[in-house]
Amino acid sequence: QVHLMESGGGLVQAGGSLRLSCVASGSIFSIRAMGWYRQAPGKQRELVATIDSAGSTNYADSVKGRFTISRDNAKNTVYLQMNSLKPEDTAVYHCNVVWGLSPKFSSWGQGTQVTVSS
């Protein structure tokens, strides 16, 4: 069984910063991509940022220049540093990990709430 544990969410004023962490544990191996997605009330889940095993990153246009994704392979952990937060960043942030050889698997965390007040 694979377990993803997110932490670091909370309430912050606009312009503030938060750092999210997600630790993958259990029967997980050959981690490939790790990423963060978010879902605001009444909206579909959307990609925030991903990072592959080589360290290549991809960001949603709405967060470029403000958010930074990174990973620690030794700790099976992915981070999301969020700066210059805006009220529209308010959402539940979910961690996603793609792992395995063939087939590959995709696992999701339960999410951590980020609320940005104006």
PDB file of N, CA and C in Angstrom:
ATOM      1  N   GLN A   1       0.839  -1.184   0.000  1.00  0.00           N
ATOM      2  CA  GLN A   1       0.000   0.000   0.000  1.00  0.00           C
ATOM      3  C   GLN A   1       0.880   1.242   0.000  1.00  0.00           C
ATOM      4  N   VAL A   2       0.435   2.277  -0.720  1.00  0.00           N
ATOM      5  CA  VAL A   2       1.184   3.529  -0.822  1.00  0.00           C
ATOM      6  C   VAL A   2       0.424   4.624  -0.091  1.00  0.00           C
ATOM      7  N   HIS A   3       1.150   5.409   0.653  1.00  0.00           N
ATOM      8  CA  HIS A   3       0.527   6.488   1.426  1.00  0.00           C
ATOM      9  C   HIS A   3       1.250   7.787   1.155  1.00  0.00           C
ATOM     10  N   LEU A   4       0.490   8.838   0.855  1.00  0.00           N
ATOM     11  CA  LEU A   4       1.040  10.175   0.658  1.00  0.00           C
ATOM     12  C   LEU A   4       0.519  11.073   1.767  1.00  0.00           C
ATOM     13  N   MET A   5       1.433  11.719   2.461  1.00  0.00           N
ATOM     14  CA  MET A   5       1.048  12.593   3.569  1.00  0.00           C
ATOM     15  C   MET A   5       1.466  14.012   3.245  1.00  0.00           C
ATOM     16  N   GLU A   6       0.479  14.886   3.081  1.00  0.00           N
ATOM     17  CA  GLU A   6       0.747  16.309   2.819  1.00  0.00           C
ATOM     18  C   GLU A   6       0.734  17.092   4.119  1.00  0.00           C
ATOM     19  N   SER A   7       1.487  18.164   4.145  1.00  0.00           N
ATOM     20  CA  SER A   7       1.486  19.074   5.289  1.00  0.00           C
ATOM     21  C   SER A   7       1.892  20.459   4.822  1.00  0.00           C
ATOM     22  N   GLY A   8       1.648  21.444   5.685  1.00  0.00           N
ATOM     23  CA  GLY A   8       2.108  22.796   5.414  1.00  0.00           C
ATOM     24  C   GLY A   8       1.029  23.773   5.006  1.00  0.00           C
ATOM     25  N   GLY A   9      -0.195  23.292   4.819  1.00  0.00           N
ATOM     26  CA  GLY A   9      -1.267  24.218   4.463  1.00  0.00           C
ATOM     27  C   GLY A   9      -1.658  25.086   5.635  1.00  0.00           C
ATOM     28  N   GLY A  10      -2.522  26.070   5.359  1.00  0.00           N
ATOM     29  CA  GLY A  10      -2.987  26.938   6.428  1.00  0.00           C
ATOM     30  C   GLY A  10      -3.607  28.196   5.877  1.00  0.00           C
ATOM     31  N   LEU A  11      -3.786  29.152   6.787  1.00  0.00           N
ATOM     32  CA  LEU A  11      -4.373  30.450   6.448  1.00  0.00           C
ATOM     33  C   LEU A  11      -3.262  31.489   6.411  1.00  0.00           C
ATOM     34  N   VAL A  12      -3.212  32.261   5.337  1.00  0.00           N
ATOM     35  CA  VAL A  12      -2.180  33.278   5.186  1.00  0.00           C
ATOM     36  C   VAL A  12      -2.784  34.501   4.499  1.00  0.00           C
ATOM     37  N   GLN A  13      -2.240  35.658   4.780  1.00  0.00           N
ATOM     38  CA  GLN A  13      -2.705  36.873   4.111  1.00  0.00           C
ATOM     39  C   GLN A  13      -2.120  36.958   2.702  1.00  0.00           C
ATOM     40  N   ALA A  14      -2.808  37.681   1.861  1.00  0.00           N
ATOM     41  CA  ALA A  14      -2.311  37.904   0.508  1.00  0.00           C
ATOM     42  C   ALA A  14      -0.905  38.496   0.567  1.00  0.00           C
ATOM     43  N   GLY A  15      -0.046  37.989  -0.316  1.00  0.00           N
ATOM     44  CA  GLY A  15       1.342  38.409  -0.311  1.00  0.00           C
ATOM     45  C   GLY A  15       2.252  37.537   0.532  1.00  0.00           C
ATOM     46  N   GLY A  16       1.654  36.676   1.331  1.00  0.00           N
ATOM     47  CA  GLY A  16       2.428  35.811   2.209  1.00  0.00           C
ATOM     48  C   GLY A  16       2.945  34.571   1.515  1.00  0.00           C
ATOM     49  N   SER A  17       3.563  33.689   2.302  1.00  0.00           N
ATOM     50  CA  SER A  17       4.183  32.479   1.766  1.00  0.00           C
ATOM     51  C   SER A  17       3.790  31.267   2.597  1.00  0.00           C
ATOM     52  N   LEU A  18       3.783  30.129   1.933  1.00  0.00           N
ATOM     53  CA  LEU A  18       3.611  28.844   2.584  1.00  0.00           C
ATOM     54  C   LEU A  18       4.489  27.833   1.872  1.00  0.00           C
ATOM     55  N   ARG A  19       4.868  26.782   2.604  1.00  0.00           N
ATOM     56  CA  ARG A  19       5.632  25.697   1.992  1.00  0.00           C
ATOM     57  C   ARG A  19       4.909  24.387   2.262  1.00  0.00           C
ATOM     58  N   LEU A  20       4.506  23.728   1.201  1.00  0.00           N
ATOM     59  CA  LEU A  20       3.849  22.438   1.315  1.00  0.00           C
ATOM     60  C   LEU A  20       4.868  21.318   1.177  1.00  0.00           C
ATOM     61  N   SER A  21       4.618  20.233   1.903  1.00  0.00           N
ATOM     62  CA  SER A  21       5.457  19.036   1.803  1.00  0.00           C
ATOM     63  C   SER A  21       4.562  17.826   1.586  1.00  0.00           C
ATOM     64  N   CYS A  22       5.092  16.841   0.900  1.00  0.00           N
ATOM     65  CA  CYS A  22       4.371  15.582   0.684  1.00  0.00           C
ATOM     66  C   CYS A  22       5.384  14.442   0.746  1.00  0.00           C
ATOM     67  N   VAL A  23       5.152  13.543   1.688  1.00  0.00           N
ATOM     68  CA  VAL A  23       6.029  12.393   1.868  1.00  0.00           C
ATOM     69  C   VAL A  23       5.317  11.144   1.386  1.00  0.00           C
ATOM     70  N   ALA A  24       5.984  10.396   0.515  1.00  0.00           N
ATOM     71  CA  ALA A  24       5.445   9.131   0.017  1.00  0.00           C
ATOM     72  C   ALA A  24       6.054   7.980   0.804  1.00  0.00           C
ATOM     73  N   SER A  25       5.199   7.065   1.243  1.00  0.00           N
ATOM     74  CA  SER A  25       5.695   5.924   2.008  1.00  0.00           C
ATOM     75  C   SER A  25       4.927   4.670   1.624  1.00  0.00           C
ATOM     76  N   GLY A  26       5.409   3.536   2.125  1.00  0.00           N
ATOM     77  CA  GLY A  26       4.753   2.267   1.832  1.00  0.00           C
ATOM     78  C   GLY A  26       5.470   1.527   0.729  1.00  0.00           C
ATOM     79  N   SER A  27       4.721   0.721  -0.004  1.00  0.00           N
ATOM     80  CA  SER A  27       5.293  -0.138  -1.041  1.00  0.00           C
ATOM     81  C   SER A  27       5.473   0.632  -2.346  1.00  0.00           C
ATOM     82  N   ILE A  28       6.217   1.720  -2.292  1.00  0.00           N
ATOM     83  CA  ILE A  28       6.416   2.568  -3.459  1.00  0.00           C
ATOM     84  C   ILE A  28       7.848   2.433  -3.937  1.00  0.00           C
ATOM     85  N   PHE A  29       8.045   2.388  -5.250  1.00  0.00           N
ATOM     86  CA  PHE A  29       9.377   2.257  -5.810  1.00  0.00           C
ATOM     87  C   PHE A  29       9.413   2.940  -7.165  1.00  0.00           C
ATOM     88  N   SER A  30      10.604   3.216  -7.626  1.00  0.00           N
ATOM     89  CA  SER A  30      10.819   3.847  -8.947  1.00  0.00           C
ATOM     90  C   SER A  30       9.893   5.045  -9.130  1.00  0.00           C
ATOM     91  N   ILE A  31      10.015   6.015  -8.219  1.00  0.00           N
ATOM     92  CA  ILE A  31       9.197   7.227  -8.341  1.00  0.00           C
ATOM     93  C   ILE A  31       9.623   8.000  -9.579  1.00  0.00           C
ATOM     94  N   ARG A  32       8.681   8.360 -10.385  1.00  0.00           N
ATOM     95  CA  ARG A  32       8.956   9.111 -11.626  1.00  0.00           C
ATOM     96  C   ARG A  32       8.567  10.559 -11.409  1.00  0.00           C
ATOM     97  N   ALA A  33       7.397  10.929 -11.773  1.00  0.00           N
ATOM     98  CA  ALA A  33       6.977  12.329 -11.600  1.00  0.00           C
ATOM     99  C   ALA A  33       6.318  12.524 -10.243  1.00  0.00           C
ATOM    100  N   MET A  34       6.519  13.703  -9.703  1.00  0.00           N
ATOM    101  CA  MET A  34       5.831  14.117  -8.477  1.00  0.00           C
ATOM    102  C   MET A  34       5.215  15.481  -8.768  1.00  0.00           C
ATOM    103  N   GLY A  35       4.074  15.745  -8.181  1.00  0.00           N
ATOM    104  CA  GLY A  35       3.442  17.003  -8.527  1.00  0.00           C
ATOM    105  C   GLY A  35       2.407  17.458  -7.529  1.00  0.00           C
ATOM    106  N   TRP A  36       1.953  18.660  -7.761  1.00  0.00           N
ATOM    107  CA  TRP A  36       0.908  19.268  -6.946  1.00  0.00           C
ATOM    108  C   TRP A  36      -0.231  19.715  -7.850  1.00  0.00           C
ATOM    109  N   TYR A  37      -1.442  19.434  -7.405  1.00  0.00           N
ATOM    110  CA  TYR A  37      -2.660  19.850  -8.076  1.00  0.00           C
ATOM    111  C   TYR A  37      -3.519  20.546  -7.038  1.00  0.00           C
ATOM    112  N   ARG A  38      -4.456  21.348  -7.498  1.00  0.00           N
ATOM    113  CA  ARG A  38      -5.339  22.020  -6.547  1.00  0.00           C
ATOM    114  C   ARG A  38      -6.770  22.032  -7.053  1.00  0.00           C
ATOM    115  N   GLN A  39      -7.679  22.101  -6.094  1.00  0.00           N
ATOM    116  CA  GLN A  39      -9.096  22.150  -6.428  1.00  0.00           C
ATOM    117  C   GLN A  39      -9.785  23.165  -5.539  1.00  0.00           C
ATOM    118  N   ALA A  40     -10.299  24.211  -6.170  1.00  0.00           N
ATOM    119  CA  ALA A  40     -11.056  25.236  -5.461  1.00  0.00           C
ATOM    120  C   ALA A  40     -12.532  24.836  -5.457  1.00  0.00           C
ATOM    121  N   PRO A  41     -13.303  25.362  -4.507  1.00  0.00           N
ATOM    122  CA  PRO A  41     -14.728  25.022  -4.442  1.00  0.00           C
ATOM    123  C   PRO A  41     -15.436  25.312  -5.766  1.00  0.00           C
ATOM    124  N   GLY A  42     -16.184  24.329  -6.260  1.00  0.00           N
ATOM    125  CA  GLY A  42     -16.945  24.509  -7.487  1.00  0.00           C
ATOM    126  C   GLY A  42     -16.133  24.439  -8.762  1.00  0.00           C
ATOM    127  N   LYS A  43     -14.850  24.121  -8.631  1.00  0.00           N
ATOM    128  CA  LYS A  43     -13.988  24.065  -9.816  1.00  0.00           C
ATOM    129  C   LYS A  43     -13.364  22.685  -9.956  1.00  0.00           C
ATOM    130  N   GLN A  44     -12.864  22.409 -11.153  1.00  0.00           N
ATOM    131  CA  GLN A  44     -12.188  21.144 -11.383  1.00  0.00           C
ATOM    132  C   GLN A  44     -10.767  21.195 -10.836  1.00  0.00           C
ATOM    133  N   ARG A  45     -10.238  20.006 -10.555  1.00  0.00           N
ATOM    134  CA  ARG A  45      -8.857  19.925 -10.114  1.00  0.00           C
ATOM    135  C   ARG A  45      -7.942  20.372 -11.256  1.00  0.00           C
ATOM    136  N   GLU A  46      -6.927  21.167 -10.917  1.00  0.00           N
ATOM    137  CA  GLU A  46      -6.021  21.670 -11.937  1.00  0.00           C
ATOM    138  C   GLU A  46      -4.570  21.460 -11.525  1.00  0.00           C
ATOM    139  N   LEU A  47      -3.719  21.333 -12.536  1.00  0.00           N
ATOM    140  CA  LEU A  47      -2.294  21.172 -12.294  1.00  0.00           C
ATOM    141  C   LEU A  47      -1.704  22.469 -11.760  1.00  0.00           C
ATOM    142  N   VAL A  48      -0.842  22.337 -10.758  1.00  0.00           N
ATOM    143  CA  VAL A  48      -0.097  23.486 -10.248  1.00  0.00           C
ATOM    144  C   VAL A  48       1.351  23.391 -10.729  1.00  0.00           C
ATOM    145  N   ALA A  49       2.003  22.273 -10.430  1.00  0.00           N
ATOM    146  CA  ALA A  49       3.401  22.092 -10.823  1.00  0.00           C
ATOM    147  C   ALA A  49       3.763  20.616 -10.746  1.00  0.00           C
ATOM    148  N   THR A  50       4.679  20.213 -11.621  1.00  0.00           N
ATOM    149  CA  THR A  50       5.203  18.849 -11.588  1.00  0.00           C
ATOM    150  C   THR A  50       6.718  18.883 -11.722  1.00  0.00           C
ATOM    151  N   ILE A  51       7.339  17.810 -11.260  1.00  0.00           N
ATOM    152  CA  ILE A  51       8.782  17.658 -11.400  1.00  0.00           C
ATOM    153  C   ILE A  51       9.063  16.191 -11.698  1.00  0.00           C
ATOM    154  N   ASP A  52       9.891  15.942 -12.723  1.00  0.00           N
ATOM    155  CA  ASP A  52      10.157  14.552 -13.071  1.00  0.00           C
ATOM    156  C   ASP A  52      11.430  14.058 -12.381  1.00  0.00           C
ATOM    157  N   SER A  53      11.806  12.823 -12.676  1.00  0.00           N
ATOM    158  CA  SER A  53      12.936  12.213 -11.983  1.00  0.00           C
ATOM    159  C   SER A  53      14.265  12.879 -12.335  1.00  0.00           C
ATOM    160  N   ALA A  54      14.306  13.594 -13.455  1.00  0.00           N
ATOM    161  CA  ALA A  54      15.530  14.304 -13.846  1.00  0.00           C
ATOM    162  C   ALA A  54      15.564  15.724 -13.296  1.00  0.00           C
ATOM    163  N   GLY A  55      14.475  16.122 -12.643  1.00  0.00           N
ATOM    164  CA  GLY A  55      14.431  17.461 -12.073  1.00  0.00           C
ATOM    165  C   GLY A  55      13.799  18.506 -12.980  1.00  0.00           C
ATOM    166  N   SER A  56      13.293  18.092 -14.121  1.00  0.00           N
ATOM    167  CA  SER A  56      12.615  19.038 -15.005  1.00  0.00           C
ATOM    168  C   SER A  56      11.262  19.401 -14.422  1.00  0.00           C
ATOM    169  N   THR A  57      10.947  20.680 -14.487  1.00  0.00           N
ATOM    170  CA  THR A  57       9.728  21.178 -13.859  1.00  0.00           C
ATOM    171  C   THR A  57       8.750  21.738 -14.885  1.00  0.00           C
ATOM    172  N   ASN A  58       7.491  21.762 -14.461  1.00  0.00           N
ATOM    173  CA  ASN A  58       6.425  22.317 -15.288  1.00  0.00           C
ATOM    174  C   ASN A  58       5.461  23.037 -14.360  1.00  0.00           C
ATOM    175  N   TYR A  59       5.056  24.246 -14.755  1.00  0.00           N
ATOM    176  CA  TYR A  59       4.180  25.056 -13.903  1.00  0.00           C
ATOM    177  C   TYR A  59       2.959  25.542 -14.672  1.00  0.00           C
ATOM    178  N   ALA A  60       1.870  25.686 -13.945  1.00  0.00           N
ATOM    179  CA  ALA A  60       0.717  26.375 -14.510  1.00  0.00           C
ATOM    180  C   ALA A  60       1.093  27.841 -14.700  1.00  0.00           C
ATOM    181  N   ASP A  61       0.563  28.448 -15.751  1.00  0.00           N
ATOM    182  CA  ASP A  61       0.885  29.853 -16.028  1.00  0.00           C
ATOM    183  C   ASP A  61       0.546  30.746 -14.839  1.00  0.00           C
ATOM    184  N   SER A  62      -0.506  30.405 -14.128  1.00  0.00           N
ATOM    185  CA  SER A  62      -0.988  31.256 -13.037  1.00  0.00           C
ATOM    186  C   SER A  62      -0.034  31.303 -11.840  1.00  0.00           C
ATOM    187  N   VAL A  63       0.902  30.359 -11.757  1.00  0.00           N
ATOM    188  CA  VAL A  63       1.802  30.322 -10.604  1.00  0.00           C
ATOM    189  C   VAL A  63       3.265  30.541 -10.979  1.00  0.00           C
ATOM    190  N   LYS A  64       3.554  30.648 -12.271  1.00  0.00           N
ATOM    191  CA  LYS A  64       4.939  30.837 -12.698  1.00  0.00           C
ATOM    192  C   LYS A  64       5.522  32.090 -12.080  1.00  0.00           C
ATOM    193  N   GLY A  65       6.741  31.961 -11.577  1.00  0.00           N
ATOM    194  CA  GLY A  65       7.416  33.087 -10.950  1.00  0.00           C
ATOM    195  C   GLY A  65       7.073  33.279  -9.485  1.00  0.00           C
ATOM    196  N   ARG A  66       6.053  32.566  -8.993  1.00  0.00           N
ATOM    197  CA  ARG A  66       5.657  32.692  -7.582  1.00  0.00           C
ATOM    198  C   ARG A  66       5.862  31.383  -6.821  1.00  0.00           C
ATOM    199  N   PHE A  67       5.635  30.266  -7.481  1.00  0.00           N
ATOM    200  CA  PHE A  67       5.742  28.953  -6.835  1.00  0.00           C
ATOM    201  C   PHE A  67       6.980  28.230  -7.347  1.00  0.00           C
ATOM    202  N   THR A  68       7.582  27.419  -6.474  1.00  0.00           N
ATOM    203  CA  THR A  68       8.730  26.603  -6.853  1.00  0.00           C
ATOM    204  C   THR A  68       8.532  25.188  -6.334  1.00  0.00           C
ATOM    205  N   ILE A  69       8.622  24.211  -7.234  1.00  0.00           N
ATOM    206  CA  ILE A  69       8.511  22.809  -6.843  1.00  0.00           C
ATOM    207  C   ILE A  69       9.910  22.212  -6.768  1.00  0.00           C
ATOM    208  N   SER A  70      10.114  21.344  -5.783  1.00  0.00           N
ATOM    209  CA  SER A  70      11.395  20.660  -5.649  1.00  0.00           C
ATOM    210  C   SER A  70      11.142  19.290  -5.037  1.00  0.00           C
ATOM    211  N   ARG A  71      12.148  18.428  -5.079  1.00  0.00           N
ATOM    212  CA  ARG A  71      11.979  17.089  -4.525  1.00  0.00           C
ATOM    213  C   ARG A  71      13.272  16.617  -3.889  1.00  0.00           C
ATOM    214  N   ASP A  72      13.123  15.752  -2.897  1.00  0.00           N
ATOM    215  CA  ASP A  72      14.245  15.102  -2.240  1.00  0.00           C
ATOM    216  C   ASP A  72      14.049  13.607  -2.465  1.00  0.00           C
ATOM    217  N   ASN A  73      14.784  13.044  -3.399  1.00  0.00           N
ATOM    218  CA  ASN A  73      14.581  11.640  -3.762  1.00  0.00           C
ATOM    219  C   ASN A  73      14.928  10.693  -2.619  1.00  0.00           C
ATOM    220  N   ALA A  74      15.901  11.072  -1.812  1.00  0.00           N
ATOM    221  CA  ALA A  74      16.298  10.209  -0.694  1.00  0.00           C
ATOM    222  C   ALA A  74      15.180  10.092   0.345  1.00  0.00           C
ATOM    223  N   LYS A  75      14.338  11.121   0.404  1.00  0.00           N
ATOM    224  CA  LYS A  75      13.256  11.137   1.395  1.00  0.00           C
ATOM    225  C   LYS A  75      11.888  10.889   0.766  1.00  0.00           C
ATOM    226  N   ASN A  76      11.860  10.610  -0.539  1.00  0.00           N
ATOM    227  CA  ASN A  76      10.569  10.419  -1.239  1.00  0.00           C
ATOM    228  C   ASN A  76       9.621  11.581  -0.953  1.00  0.00           C
ATOM    229  N   THR A  77      10.153  12.781  -1.012  1.00  0.00           N
ATOM    230  CA  THR A  77       9.393  13.965  -0.622  1.00  0.00           C
ATOM    231  C   THR A  77       9.397  15.002  -1.739  1.00  0.00           C
ATOM    232  N   VAL A  78       8.254  15.633  -1.931  1.00  0.00           N
ATOM    233  CA  VAL A  78       8.139  16.745  -2.868  1.00  0.00           C
ATOM    234  C   VAL A  78       7.651  17.958  -2.107  1.00  0.00           C
ATOM    235  N   TYR A  79       8.175  19.114  -2.480  1.00  0.00           N
ATOM    236  CA  TYR A  79       7.843  20.375  -1.806  1.00  0.00           C
ATOM    237  C   TYR A  79       7.230  21.356  -2.807  1.00  0.00           C
ATOM    238  N   LEU A  80       6.466  22.283  -2.267  1.00  0.00           N
ATOM    239  CA  LEU A  80       5.955  23.383  -3.076  1.00  0.00           C
ATOM    240  C   LEU A  80       6.113  24.655  -2.261  1.00  0.00           C
ATOM    241  N   GLN A  81       7.051  25.490  -2.655  1.00  0.00           N
ATOM    242  CA  GLN A  81       7.236  26.791  -2.019  1.00  0.00           C
ATOM    243  C   GLN A  81       6.334  27.787  -2.736  1.00  0.00           C
ATOM    244  N   MET A  82       5.439  28.382  -1.980  1.00  0.00           N
ATOM    245  CA  MET A  82       4.463  29.307  -2.558  1.00  0.00           C
ATOM    246  C   MET A  82       4.689  30.699  -1.997  1.00  0.00           C
ATOM    247  N   ASN A  83       5.068  31.623  -2.849  1.00  0.00           N
ATOM    248  CA  ASN A  83       5.303  33.012  -2.458  1.00  0.00           C
ATOM    249  C   ASN A  83       4.300  33.930  -3.137  1.00  0.00           C
ATOM    250  N   SER A  84       4.203  35.138  -2.626  1.00  0.00           N
ATOM    251  CA  SER A  84       3.286  36.140  -3.207  1.00  0.00           C
ATOM    252  C   SER A  84       1.900  35.550  -3.425  1.00  0.00           C
ATOM    253  N   LEU A  85       1.381  34.908  -2.403  1.00  0.00           N
ATOM    254  CA  LEU A  85       0.095  34.234  -2.523  1.00  0.00           C
ATOM    255  C   LEU A  85      -1.034  35.224  -2.759  1.00  0.00           C
ATOM    256  N   LYS A  86      -2.001  34.775  -3.536  1.00  0.00           N
ATOM    257  CA  LYS A  86      -3.169  35.589  -3.885  1.00  0.00           C
ATOM    258  C   LYS A  86      -4.437  34.875  -3.407  1.00  0.00           C
ATOM    259  N   PRO A  87      -5.516  35.605  -3.191  1.00  0.00           N
ATOM    260  CA  PRO A  87      -6.768  34.947  -2.785  1.00  0.00           C
ATOM    261  C   PRO A  87      -7.202  33.859  -3.763  1.00  0.00           C
ATOM    262  N   GLU A  88      -6.907  34.022  -5.034  1.00  0.00           N
ATOM    263  CA  GLU A  88      -7.300  33.008  -6.025  1.00  0.00           C
ATOM    264  C   GLU A  88      -6.474  31.727  -5.932  1.00  0.00           C
ATOM    265  N   ASP A  89      -5.449  31.718  -5.092  1.00  0.00           N
ATOM    266  CA  ASP A  89      -4.699  30.492  -4.835  1.00  0.00           C
ATOM    267  C   ASP A  89      -5.396  29.610  -3.792  1.00  0.00           C
ATOM    268  N   THR A  90      -6.451  30.120  -3.191  1.00  0.00           N
ATOM    269  CA  THR A  90      -7.185  29.352  -2.191  1.00  0.00           C
ATOM    270  C   THR A  90      -7.756  28.081  -2.801  1.00  0.00           C
ATOM    271  N   ALA A  91      -7.428  26.939  -2.194  1.00  0.00           N
ATOM    272  CA  ALA A  91      -7.862  25.650  -2.723  1.00  0.00           C
ATOM    273  C   ALA A  91      -7.355  24.550  -1.792  1.00  0.00           C
ATOM    274  N   VAL A  92      -7.828  23.338  -2.066  1.00  0.00           N
ATOM    275  CA  VAL A  92      -7.213  22.157  -1.456  1.00  0.00           C
ATOM    276  C   VAL A  92      -6.114  21.694  -2.402  1.00  0.00           C
ATOM    277  N   TYR A  93      -4.914  21.565  -1.862  1.00  0.00           N
ATOM    278  CA  TYR A  93      -3.762  21.172  -2.663  1.00  0.00           C
ATOM    279  C   TYR A  93      -3.487  19.682  -2.445  1.00  0.00           C
ATOM    280  N   HIS A  94      -3.422  18.958  -3.555  1.00  0.00           N
ATOM    281  CA  HIS A  94      -3.213  17.516  -3.520  1.00  0.00           C
ATOM    282  C   HIS A  94      -1.857  17.162  -4.122  1.00  0.00           C
ATOM    283  N   CYS A  95      -1.182  16.240  -3.470  1.00  0.00           N
ATOM    284  CA  CYS A  95       0.071  15.703  -3.966  1.00  0.00           C
ATOM    285  C   CYS A  95      -0.227  14.507  -4.871  1.00  0.00           C
ATOM    286  N   ASN A  96       0.560  14.368  -5.927  1.00  0.00           N
ATOM    287  CA  ASN A  96       0.434  13.227  -6.839  1.00  0.00           C
ATOM    288  C   ASN A  96       1.811  12.654  -7.122  1.00  0.00           C
ATOM    289  N   VAL A  97       1.894  11.329  -7.126  1.00  0.00           N
ATOM    290  CA  VAL A  97       3.158  10.652  -7.422  1.00  0.00           C
ATOM    291  C   VAL A  97       2.907   9.575  -8.459  1.00  0.00           C
ATOM    292  N   VAL A  98       3.698   9.578  -9.508  1.00  0.00           N
ATOM    293  CA  VAL A  98       3.669   8.520 -10.524  1.00  0.00           C
ATOM    294  C   VAL A  98       4.871   7.629 -10.274  1.00  0.00           C
ATOM    295  N   TRP A  99       4.620   6.333 -10.133  1.00  0.00           N
ATOM    296  CA  TRP A  99       5.709   5.437  -9.737  1.00  0.00           C
ATOM    297  C   TRP A  99       5.533   4.088 -10.387  1.00  0.00           C
ATOM    298  N   GLY A 100       6.571   3.251 -10.256  1.00  0.00           N
ATOM    299  CA  GLY A 100       6.530   1.909 -10.807  1.00  0.00           C
ATOM    300  C   GLY A 100       7.251   1.829 -12.134  1.00  0.00           C
ATOM    301  N   LEU A 101       7.333   0.626 -12.682  1.00  0.00           N
ATOM    302  CA  LEU A 101       8.035   0.375 -13.932  1.00  0.00           C
ATOM    303  C   LEU A 101       7.007   0.160 -15.050  1.00  0.00           C
ATOM    304  N   SER A 102       6.539  -1.027 -15.210  1.00  0.00           N
ATOM    305  CA  SER A 102       5.496  -1.307 -16.197  1.00  0.00           C
ATOM    306  C   SER A 102       4.554  -2.350 -15.599  1.00  0.00           C
ATOM    307  N   PRO A 103       3.381  -1.969 -15.214  1.00  0.00           N
ATOM    308  CA  PRO A 103       2.755  -0.660 -15.445  1.00  0.00           C
ATOM    309  C   PRO A 103       3.207   0.394 -14.439  1.00  0.00           C
ATOM    310  N   LYS A 104       2.894   1.642 -14.751  1.00  0.00           N
ATOM    311  CA  LYS A 104       3.105   2.729 -13.805  1.00  0.00           C
ATOM    312  C   LYS A 104       1.804   2.928 -13.027  1.00  0.00           C
ATOM    313  N   PHE A 105       1.962   3.505 -11.849  1.00  0.00           N
ATOM    314  CA  PHE A 105       0.829   3.770 -10.973  1.00  0.00           C
ATOM    315  C   PHE A 105       0.799   5.258 -10.632  1.00  0.00           C
ATOM    316  N   SER A 106      -0.382   5.739 -10.305  1.00  0.00           N
ATOM    317  CA  SER A 106      -0.551   7.129  -9.889  1.00  0.00           C
ATOM    318  C   SER A 106      -1.249   7.128  -8.542  1.00  0.00           C
ATOM    319  N   SER A 107      -0.638   7.772  -7.560  1.00  0.00           N
ATOM    320  CA  SER A 107      -1.209   7.836  -6.217  1.00  0.00           C
ATOM    321  C   SER A 107      -1.450   9.279  -5.823  1.00  0.00           C
ATOM    322  N   TRP A 108      -2.509   9.464  -5.034  1.00  0.00           N
ATOM    323  CA  TRP A 108      -2.903  10.815  -4.610  1.00  0.00           C
ATOM    324  C   TRP A 108      -2.947  10.916  -3.097  1.00  0.00           C
ATOM    325  N   GLY A 109      -2.597  12.092  -2.605  1.00  0.00           N
ATOM    326  CA  GLY A 109      -2.784  12.394  -1.200  1.00  0.00           C
ATOM    327  C   GLY A 109      -4.183  12.942  -0.971  1.00  0.00           C
ATOM    328  N   GLN A 110      -4.557  13.040   0.299  1.00  0.00           N
ATOM    329  CA  GLN A 110      -5.910  13.499   0.636  1.00  0.00           C
ATOM    330  C   GLN A 110      -6.061  15.002   0.522  1.00  0.00           C
ATOM    331  N   GLY A 111      -4.960  15.712   0.523  1.00  0.00           N
ATOM    332  CA  GLY A 111      -5.016  17.153   0.323  1.00  0.00           C
ATOM    333  C   GLY A 111      -4.785  17.952   1.580  1.00  0.00           C
ATOM    334  N   THR A 112      -4.319  19.176   1.378  1.00  0.00           N
ATOM    335  CA  THR A 112      -4.131  20.125   2.478  1.00  0.00           C
ATOM    336  C   THR A 112      -4.726  21.463   2.053  1.00  0.00           C
ATOM    337  N   GLN A 113      -5.466  22.074   2.961  1.00  0.00           N
ATOM    338  CA  GLN A 113      -6.182  23.311   2.640  1.00  0.00           C
ATOM    339  C   GLN A 113      -5.244  24.512   2.701  1.00  0.00           C
ATOM    340  N   VAL A 114      -5.285  25.318   1.654  1.00  0.00           N
ATOM    341  CA  VAL A 114      -4.577  26.594   1.628  1.00  0.00           C
ATOM    342  C   VAL A 114      -5.627  27.688   1.453  1.00  0.00           C
ATOM    343  N   THR A 115      -5.654  28.618   2.392  1.00  0.00           N
ATOM    344  CA  THR A 115      -6.600  29.721   2.331  1.00  0.00           C
ATOM    345  C   THR A 115      -5.832  31.029   2.379  1.00  0.00           C
ATOM    346  N   VAL A 116      -6.051  31.875   1.382  1.00  0.00           N
ATOM    347  CA  VAL A 116      -5.372  33.172   1.302  1.00  0.00           C
ATOM    348  C   VAL A 116      -6.414  34.258   1.463  1.00  0.00           C
ATOM    349  N   SER A 117      -6.265  35.067   2.500  1.00  0.00           N
ATOM    350  CA  SER A 117      -7.213  36.137   2.761  1.00  0.00           C
ATOM    351  C   SER A 117      -6.740  37.432   2.116  1.00  0.00           C
ATOM    352  N   SER A 118      -7.707  38.252   1.725  1.00  0.00           N
ATOM    353  CA  SER A 118      -7.357  39.516   1.047  1.00  0.00           C
ATOM    354  C   SER A 118      -7.198  40.641   2.045  1.00  0.00           C
TER     355      SER A 118
END
